[in-house]
Amino acid sequence: MITMNSDRAASTLPLVSVIIPAYNAEAFIEKTLNSVLSQTYQNLEVLVVDDGSHDRTPEIIKSIAQHDKRVIVLHQKNAGVAAARNLGIEKSQGEFIAPIDADDIWYPENIEKQVQCFLESEPSVGLVYSWSVDIDQDDVPTGIFRAAKIEGEVYITLVCHNFIGNASASMIRRDCFEQVGGYNCQLKEQAAQGCEDWDLYLRVAEVCQFRVVPDFLIGYRKITNSMSRDSTQMAKSHHLVMQAVRQRHPEIPTALYGFSSSSLSIYFAHQSHYFQDHKTTLFWLWQAIKSDFVTPYLRLGFYLLALQSSLGLVLQLMRARVGVAKKPSLKSKEIKNKMTLDDIKRQDMAINLKLLVGDAFHYLIPKLARTKKIKLKYGTVER
C-alpha cells in the first residue's frame, strides 16, 4: 500500500484533483467535504464548484476552505452538474480526476486504493472504480450495494448496464479525460440530466481500459428528492445517450439497447420499491417488459417486485378506502440504524452471487451480440 508518513512523502505521489459540483447542497456538503479531506491519501486538491446555489452552500464551503488550503472554491451561474464538473476539471492540475457528488461520501481509503490500482496498472488503464453502498440521510447503509469485477475492455457490457453505478465511484486519468472531451452539457439543455456519468464512462471505455478496487469505499446517498430519484428525466437522459452510441457504433445489435433500457427500468423499479411507491414500481416493471420482452422474465427479482408491489398497492387502496392509517414502513429509521458497512461486507453469499452474475454477463454479452470487436484506442494514453 501507499505510505504517507510526511508531507514531503505525500508530495512525491501523484496529485489527485477532487471535483465537487454543488447546487443548493447545504444539507450534506459539509459531510461530503469532511469525507474527502479525511482521506488517508493526502496529496489532493479539492475543487468545489458552486453552481449558482441560493442556500447556505457558498458560506459552508468558504468556511471549510479557510481551514484547509487544499480546498479551492469556484462559482458559476446555475448551468448544471456537467458544466460544474467541467469547470472544476478545467481549473484543476492533478494527474488523476476524482469526481464526487455533493451529497455522497467516501470512506477513508478510497483515494489511496484507487491511486494504488493505477500505479500497478498498464498505461492503457484510464479509469478505476470502487464498490459502493447506498446510504440514507444519516449516512446509514440501506442494505443496497453495487459490486462488480468487470475490468479490461468493457464497452459492450457498459452499453447494457452501468455497473459502476454512480458518479462518485470513479477516478479517471487526466490524459484519458482530455481525449474524450469532458461531461456532456447538452443533456441539461434537453431537460435530460441524470446519465452524464454513464455517458462519460462510455466515451472513456472507447479509448481506455477499466480496473476495479473490490472494496466498498463509496457511500451513495439515496433520499426522496435526489436527482437519481427523478426517473423520468433519467430515462430520457439514457435514451439520448444511447442514441449517441448508436450513431458512433452502428455495428452494435439493436437488441442490446432494449436490454439496456429494460435493465434501467428494473433499477428504477427497485428504487421506487424501497420508498414504498408501489404504483411507480409497477409502472417501471411494465416499461422493462416493453423494452425487452425476454430478459425481465429471467430475473427472480422481477417476480418478487411485481408480487410485493401488487400486494402493497392493494393494501394501500384498501386502507385509503376504509380510512386506516398506513402501517410504519419496515425500512424505518430504527431498522436501518442496525445496518453498518461491516454488515454489508459480511454478506458473502449476496456479494459472490452479484459478482458471479456480473462476470457471466461480461463474458456472454459480447458473444451473444455477434458483433465484430469494436476497435478501441488502447495504449494511446501516456502515463
Foldseek 3Di string as FASTA:
>chain_A
DQDDPDPVSLVVAFEEEEAEEDAQLVLAQVVAVVLVCLAPRHRYAYEYEYQQHPDCVVVVLVVVCVVPVSYDYHYDHHQDDQVRRVVSLVPDDTQKYAYDYSRKHWHRHQVVLQSVVVVPDDLQAFKEFEKAFEAESVRFGLLDIQFAFDKFQCQLVLLLDVSSPDRRTMMGGSLLCVVLPGFDSVLVVVLQDDCRSSLSVNSSSQAGIYGYDGAHTMHHYDDCPDPNLPLVSPLVNSVVSVVVVCVVCVLFDPLSNLSNSLVSLCVNLVSCVVVLVLVSNVVSLVVSCVSPVPPLVVDPVSVVSPVVSVVSVVVVVVCVVVVHDDDDDPSDPVNSVVGDSVNSVPPVVVNVVSHVVNVCSSVVSVVVRPGPDNDGNGPPRDD
